[in-house]
Structures are given as C-alpha cells and as structure tokens.
C-alpha atoms as a PDB file:
ATOM      1  CA  MET A   1     -19.180   9.767 -13.313  1.00  0.00           C
ATOM      2  CA  SER A   2     -20.097   7.618 -10.292  1.00  0.00           C
ATOM      3  CA  LYS A   3     -18.572   8.180  -6.857  1.00  0.00           C
ATOM      4  CA  HIS A   4     -16.615   4.932  -7.266  1.00  0.00           C
ATOM      5  CA  GLN A   5     -15.181   6.134 -10.580  1.00  0.00           C
ATOM      6  CA  GLU A   6     -14.347   9.539  -9.071  1.00  0.00           C
ATOM      7  CA  LEU A   7     -12.555   7.890  -6.149  1.00  0.00           C
ATOM      8  CA  ARG A   8     -10.660   5.591  -8.504  1.00  0.00           C
ATOM      9  CA  ALA A   9      -9.589   8.497 -10.742  1.00  0.00           C
ATOM     10  CA  LYS A  10      -8.525  10.596  -7.730  1.00  0.00           C
ATOM     11  CA  LEU A  11      -6.438   7.791  -6.236  1.00  0.00           C
ATOM     12  CA  MET A  12      -4.913   6.833  -9.591  1.00  0.00           C
ATOM     13  CA  ALA A  13      -3.589  10.375  -9.938  1.00  0.00           C
ATOM     14  CA  GLU A  14      -2.002  10.134  -6.472  1.00  0.00           C
ATOM     15  CA  ILE A  15       0.067   6.955  -6.984  1.00  0.00           C
ATOM     16  CA  ASP A  16       3.703   7.850  -6.501  1.00  0.00           C
ATOM     17  CA  ALA A  17       7.114   6.272  -6.180  1.00  0.00           C
ATOM     18  CA  ALA A  18       9.052   6.372  -2.935  1.00  0.00           C
ATOM     19  CA  GLN A  19      12.294   5.114  -1.560  1.00  0.00           C
ATOM     20  CA  TRP A  20      12.284   3.173   1.685  1.00  0.00           C
ATOM     21  CA  GLU A  21      13.920   6.000   3.636  1.00  0.00           C
ATOM     22  CA  TRP A  22      10.891   8.206   2.885  1.00  0.00           C
ATOM     23  CA  LEU A  23       8.482   5.496   4.040  1.00  0.00           C
ATOM     24  CA  LYS A  24      10.316   4.480   7.195  1.00  0.00           C
ATOM     25  CA  PRO A  25       8.705   7.189   9.413  1.00  0.00           C
ATOM     26  CA  HIS A  26       5.277   5.768   8.488  1.00  0.00           C
ATOM     27  CA  ALA A  27       6.489   2.290   9.458  1.00  0.00           C
ATOM     28  CA  GLU A  28       7.643   3.658  12.801  1.00  0.00           C
ATOM     29  CA  ARG A  29       4.097   4.976  13.374  1.00  0.00           C
ATOM     30  CA  ASP A  30       2.651   1.563  12.333  1.00  0.00           C
ATOM     31  CA  ARG A  31       0.812   3.114   9.380  1.00  0.00           C
ATOM     32  CA  LEU A  32       2.167   1.034   6.475  1.00  0.00           C
ATOM     33  CA  ILE A  33       0.110  -1.515   4.603  1.00  0.00           C
ATOM     34  CA  LEU A  34       2.078  -3.798   2.293  1.00  0.00           C
ATOM     35  CA  VAL A  35       0.258  -4.771  -0.913  1.00  0.00           C
ATOM     36  CA  ALA A  36       1.454  -8.000  -2.553  1.00  0.00           C
ATOM     37  CA  PRO A  37       2.514  -7.969  -6.204  1.00  0.00           C
ATOM     38  CA  ASP A  38      -0.488 -10.223  -6.985  1.00  0.00           C
ATOM     39  CA  LEU A  39      -2.895  -7.395  -6.145  1.00  0.00           C
ATOM     40  CA  ASP A  40      -3.265  -4.111  -7.980  1.00  0.00           C
ATOM     41  CA  LEU A  41      -2.279  -1.232  -5.689  1.00  0.00           C
ATOM     42  CA  LEU A  42      -5.093   0.943  -7.018  1.00  0.00           C
ATOM     43  CA  ASP A  43      -7.725  -1.785  -6.478  1.00  0.00           C
ATOM     44  CA  ALA A  44      -6.544  -2.205  -2.887  1.00  0.00           C
ATOM     45  CA  ALA A  45      -6.640   1.537  -2.244  1.00  0.00           C
ATOM     46  CA  VAL A  46     -10.108   1.968  -3.745  1.00  0.00           C
ATOM     47  CA  SER A  47     -11.477  -0.903  -1.652  1.00  0.00           C
ATOM     48  CA  ILE A  48      -9.920   0.410   1.561  1.00  0.00           C
ATOM     49  CA  ALA A  49     -10.997   4.015   0.941  1.00  0.00           C
ATOM     50  CA  GLY A  50     -14.458   2.914  -0.182  1.00  0.00           C
ATOM     51  CA  GLY A  51     -15.026   0.665   2.828  1.00  0.00           C
ATOM     52  CA  ASP A  52     -15.272  -2.623   0.895  1.00  0.00           C
ATOM     53  CA  LEU A  53     -14.626  -4.741   3.977  1.00  0.00           C
ATOM     54  CA  LYS A  54     -15.427  -8.040   2.253  1.00  0.00           C
ATOM     55  CA  ALA A  55     -12.674  -7.556  -0.343  1.00  0.00           C
ATOM     56  CA  VAL A  56     -10.196  -6.258   2.251  1.00  0.00           C
ATOM     57  CA  GLU A  57     -10.846  -9.195   4.595  1.00  0.00           C
ATOM     58  CA  ASP A  58     -10.464 -11.653   1.702  1.00  0.00           C
ATOM     59  CA  TRP A  59      -7.136 -10.089   0.675  1.00  0.00           C
ATOM     60  CA  MET A  60      -5.933 -10.170   4.282  1.00  0.00           C
ATOM     61  CA  LYS A  61      -6.776 -13.890   4.540  1.00  0.00           C
ATOM     62  CA  ARG A  62      -4.848 -14.522   1.310  1.00  0.00           C
ATOM     63  CA  GLY A  63      -1.897 -12.482   2.595  1.00  0.00           C
ATOM     64  CA  TRP A  64      -2.222  -9.972  -0.255  1.00  0.00           C
ATOM     65  CA  ILE A  65      -2.448  -7.014   2.124  1.00  0.00           C
ATOM     66  CA  SER A  66      -0.814  -6.891   5.518  1.00  0.00           C
ATOM     67  CA  LYS A  67       1.298  -4.837   7.810  1.00  0.00           C
ATOM     68  CA  PRO A  68       4.986  -5.477   7.121  1.00  0.00           C
ATOM     69  CA  THR A  69       6.535  -8.031   9.445  1.00  0.00           C
ATOM     70  CA  GLY A  70       9.625  -7.271  11.509  1.00  0.00           C
ATOM     71  CA  GLU A  71      11.627  -9.418   9.111  1.00  0.00           C
ATOM     72  CA  GLN A  72      10.361  -7.450   6.104  1.00  0.00           C
ATOM     73  CA  LEU A  73      11.123  -4.133   7.824  1.00  0.00           C
ATOM     74  CA  ARG A  74      14.681  -5.279   8.553  1.00  0.00           C
ATOM     75  CA  ALA A  75      15.080  -6.340   4.910  1.00  0.00           C
ATOM     76  CA  PHE A  76      13.837  -2.938   3.754  1.00  0.00           C
ATOM     77  CA  ASP A  77      16.248  -1.212   6.162  1.00  0.00           C
ATOM     78  CA  SER A  78      19.168  -3.252   4.851  1.00  0.00           C
ATOM     79  CA  ASP A  79      18.729  -2.108   1.248  1.00  0.00           C
ATOM     80  CA  ALA A  80      18.348   1.645   0.866  1.00  0.00           C
ATOM     81  CA  ARG A  81      17.854   1.216  -2.891  1.00  0.00           C
ATOM     82  CA  ARG A  82      14.490  -0.475  -2.484  1.00  0.00           C
ATOM     83  CA  SER A  83      11.787   1.396  -4.304  1.00  0.00           C
ATOM     84  CA  PHE A  84       8.036   1.242  -3.801  1.00  0.00           C
ATOM     85  CA  ARG A  85       4.854   2.437  -5.393  1.00  0.00           C
ATOM     86  CA  CYS A  86       2.820   4.160  -2.714  1.00  0.00           C
ATOM     87  CA  LEU A  87      -0.577   5.668  -2.158  1.00  0.00           C
ATOM     88  CA  ILE A  88      -1.956   7.427   0.899  1.00  0.00           C
ATOM     89  CA  VAL A  89      -5.381   6.351   2.123  1.00  0.00           C
ATOM     90  CA  GLN A  90      -5.612   8.100   5.488  1.00  0.00           C
ATOM     91  CA  PRO A  91      -4.498   7.006   7.996  1.00  0.00           C
ATOM     92  CA  TRP A  92      -2.622   4.364   5.987  1.00  0.00           C
ATOM     93  CA  VAL A  93       0.189   4.472   3.481  1.00  0.00           C
ATOM     94  CA  LEU A  94      -0.166   1.600   1.056  1.00  0.00           C
ATOM     95  CA  ILE A  95       3.090   0.390  -0.419  1.00  0.00           C
ATOM     96  CA  GLN A  96       3.990  -2.141  -3.077  1.00  0.00           C
ATOM     97  CA  GLU A  97       7.574  -3.049  -3.804  1.00  0.00           C
ATOM     98  CA  ARG A  98       8.639  -2.166  -7.339  1.00  0.00           C
ATOM     99  CA  SER A  99      10.364  -4.828  -9.349  1.00  0.00           C
ATOM    100  CA  ASN A 100      13.853  -3.901 -10.497  1.00  0.00           C
END
C-alpha cells in the first residue's frame, strides 16, 4: 500500500459526526475549515494532510474550502441542531454540513 493510500485509509477511519456545540471551541480558536458539499471531505483532508497545495489553492479559489465567515458562524450558533461531518488534520478541523 502506498503512503497516499495509507493516509487515505487512516483519515477515512477518522471521519466522525459532530454537533455545532462540539465544534464551536475550534471556531473560537480559528481552526475550522469549511468544506463545501461539492467537494468530498476525505479528498480535501488527504490533499491538506499530504501537502497538495495546487489542489488546495484551486479549491480555495472556487470557494470549496474556506474558513467560515462571521455570517456562517452566527447561522451555526442560531441552530443547535446543525450536524456536521468532521475530520481533524492538525492544526485544522475540517467540517462539512450534513444534509438533513
């Protein structure tokens, strides 16, 4: 198994679900990265962890990965039922809102 495949398998096993209240402390430390629904959370995590800067920069330009805006954070705060898929890629916590 290649290092890329090992990294992908490791991160896949670490994808979890989280409620906003659990993620809020990471937002307060400016450590959240929001992954758009158009992008696979695992692909984003593998590229960030593996240092694929070209892919990460492209996704940032497209708005597929970003830090949550103040407006988004307020929306998350206003609905405690919001649920996310999350994955830690130190020092970041990648989150993707789950569809209801």
